[in-house]
Amino acid sequence: MSPKAAACPVCRQPAKPETRPFCSPACRDRDLLQWLGEGYRVPGPPAEEGMQKSSDYGLDSDAD
């Protein structure tokens, strides 16, 4: 009995070993863009008021 091939989490096509768990570099990149664009979110408690992003404070800004 051979193990069942894993499906790509983006398009459900069979995954290829060189891009596993995805079927292609395109699906791998689509998944990365979802994470970077906040398309995926991990549930959790609300962030503290001081931890919220503001328009004038970014990762490269000095903390007040």
C-alpha atoms as a PDB file:
ATOM      1  CA  MET A   1       0.000   0.000   0.000  1.00  0.00           C
ATOM      2  CA  SER A   2       1.612   3.304  -1.072  1.00  0.00           C
ATOM      3  CA  PRO A   3       1.058   6.500   0.932  1.00  0.00           C
ATOM      4  CA  LYS A   4      -1.382   8.973  -0.582  1.00  0.00           C
ATOM      5  CA  ALA A   5       0.277  12.051  -2.114  1.00  0.00           C
ATOM      6  CA  ALA A   6      -0.404  15.264  -0.201  1.00  0.00           C
ATOM      7  CA  ALA A   7      -2.550  17.893  -1.884  1.00  0.00           C
ATOM      8  CA  CYS A   8      -1.422  21.476  -2.436  1.00  0.00           C
ATOM      9  CA  PRO A   9      -3.076  23.659   0.254  1.00  0.00           C
ATOM     10  CA  VAL A  10      -3.820  26.379  -2.332  1.00  0.00           C
ATOM     11  CA  CYS A  11      -5.255  24.519  -5.351  1.00  0.00           C
ATOM     12  CA  ARG A  12      -5.544  20.873  -4.148  1.00  0.00           C
ATOM     13  CA  GLN A  13      -3.392  19.488  -6.984  1.00  0.00           C
ATOM     14  CA  PRO A  14      -0.842  16.792  -6.017  1.00  0.00           C
ATOM     15  CA  ALA A  15       2.213  18.307  -4.327  1.00  0.00           C
ATOM     16  CA  LYS A  16       5.606  18.019  -6.039  1.00  0.00           C
ATOM     17  CA  PRO A  17       8.700  17.087  -4.003  1.00  0.00           C
ATOM     18  CA  GLU A  18      10.690  20.165  -5.080  1.00  0.00           C
ATOM     19  CA  THR A  19       7.990  22.620  -3.910  1.00  0.00           C
ATOM     20  CA  ARG A  20       6.340  20.534  -1.192  1.00  0.00           C
ATOM     21  CA  PRO A  21       3.778  21.051   0.296  1.00  0.00           C
ATOM     22  CA  PHE A  22       2.785  23.045  -2.797  1.00  0.00           C
ATOM     23  CA  CYS A  23       2.355  21.871  -6.377  1.00  0.00           C
ATOM     24  CA  SER A  24       4.346  24.715  -7.951  1.00  0.00           C
ATOM     25  CA  PRO A  25       6.342  27.865  -7.175  1.00  0.00           C
ATOM     26  CA  ALA A  26       3.266  29.893  -8.171  1.00  0.00           C
ATOM     27  CA  CYS A  27       1.127  28.338  -5.419  1.00  0.00           C
ATOM     28  CA  ARG A  28       3.988  28.724  -2.944  1.00  0.00           C
ATOM     29  CA  ASP A  29       4.215  32.436  -3.799  1.00  0.00           C
ATOM     30  CA  ARG A  30       0.421  32.895  -3.588  1.00  0.00           C
ATOM     31  CA  ASP A  31       0.474  31.419  -0.096  1.00  0.00           C
ATOM     32  CA  LEU A  32       3.356  33.683   0.978  1.00  0.00           C
ATOM     33  CA  LEU A  33       1.525  36.751  -0.340  1.00  0.00           C
ATOM     34  CA  GLN A  34      -1.556  35.758   1.687  1.00  0.00           C
ATOM     35  CA  TRP A  35       0.557  35.749   4.855  1.00  0.00           C
ATOM     36  CA  LEU A  36       2.354  38.994   4.014  1.00  0.00           C
ATOM     37  CA  GLY A  37      -0.897  40.755   3.082  1.00  0.00           C
ATOM     38  CA  GLU A  38      -2.560  39.603   6.324  1.00  0.00           C
ATOM     39  CA  GLY A  39      -4.957  37.371   4.395  1.00  0.00           C
ATOM     40  CA  TYR A  40      -4.337  34.653   6.969  1.00  0.00           C
ATOM     41  CA  ARG A  41      -4.720  35.405  10.648  1.00  0.00           C
ATOM     42  CA  VAL A  42      -4.064  33.367  13.730  1.00  0.00           C
ATOM     43  CA  PRO A  43      -6.880  33.733  16.274  1.00  0.00           C
ATOM     44  CA  GLY A  44      -6.000  35.161  19.643  1.00  0.00           C
ATOM     45  CA  PRO A  45      -6.926  37.782  22.193  1.00  0.00           C
ATOM     46  CA  PRO A  46      -7.079  41.429  21.076  1.00  0.00           C
ATOM     47  CA  ALA A  47      -3.742  43.261  21.138  1.00  0.00           C
ATOM     48  CA  GLU A  48      -3.135  45.902  23.769  1.00  0.00           C
ATOM     49  CA  GLU A  49      -3.876  49.505  22.811  1.00  0.00           C
ATOM     50  CA  GLY A  50      -0.156  50.408  22.918  1.00  0.00           C
ATOM     51  CA  MET A  51       0.715  47.532  20.606  1.00  0.00           C
ATOM     52  CA  GLN A  52      -1.647  48.584  17.802  1.00  0.00           C
ATOM     53  CA  LYS A  53      -0.093  49.844  14.572  1.00  0.00           C
ATOM     54  CA  SER A  54      -0.363  53.527  13.905  1.00  0.00           C
ATOM     55  CA  SER A  55       0.206  55.322  10.625  1.00  0.00           C
ATOM     56  CA  ASP A  56       3.313  57.172  11.897  1.00  0.00           C
ATOM     57  CA  TYR A  57       5.005  54.228  13.633  1.00  0.00           C
ATOM     58  CA  GLY A  58       6.539  51.365  11.699  1.00  0.00           C
ATOM     59  CA  LEU A  59       9.101  48.648  12.185  1.00  0.00           C
ATOM     60  CA  ASP A  60      11.977  50.953  11.350  1.00  0.00           C
ATOM     61  CA  SER A  61      10.757  53.853  13.537  1.00  0.00           C
ATOM     62  CA  ASP A  62      12.102  54.672  16.985  1.00  0.00           C
ATOM     63  CA  ALA A  63       9.814  53.823  19.891  1.00  0.00           C
ATOM     64  CA  ASP A  64       8.452  56.732  21.911  1.00  0.00           C
END
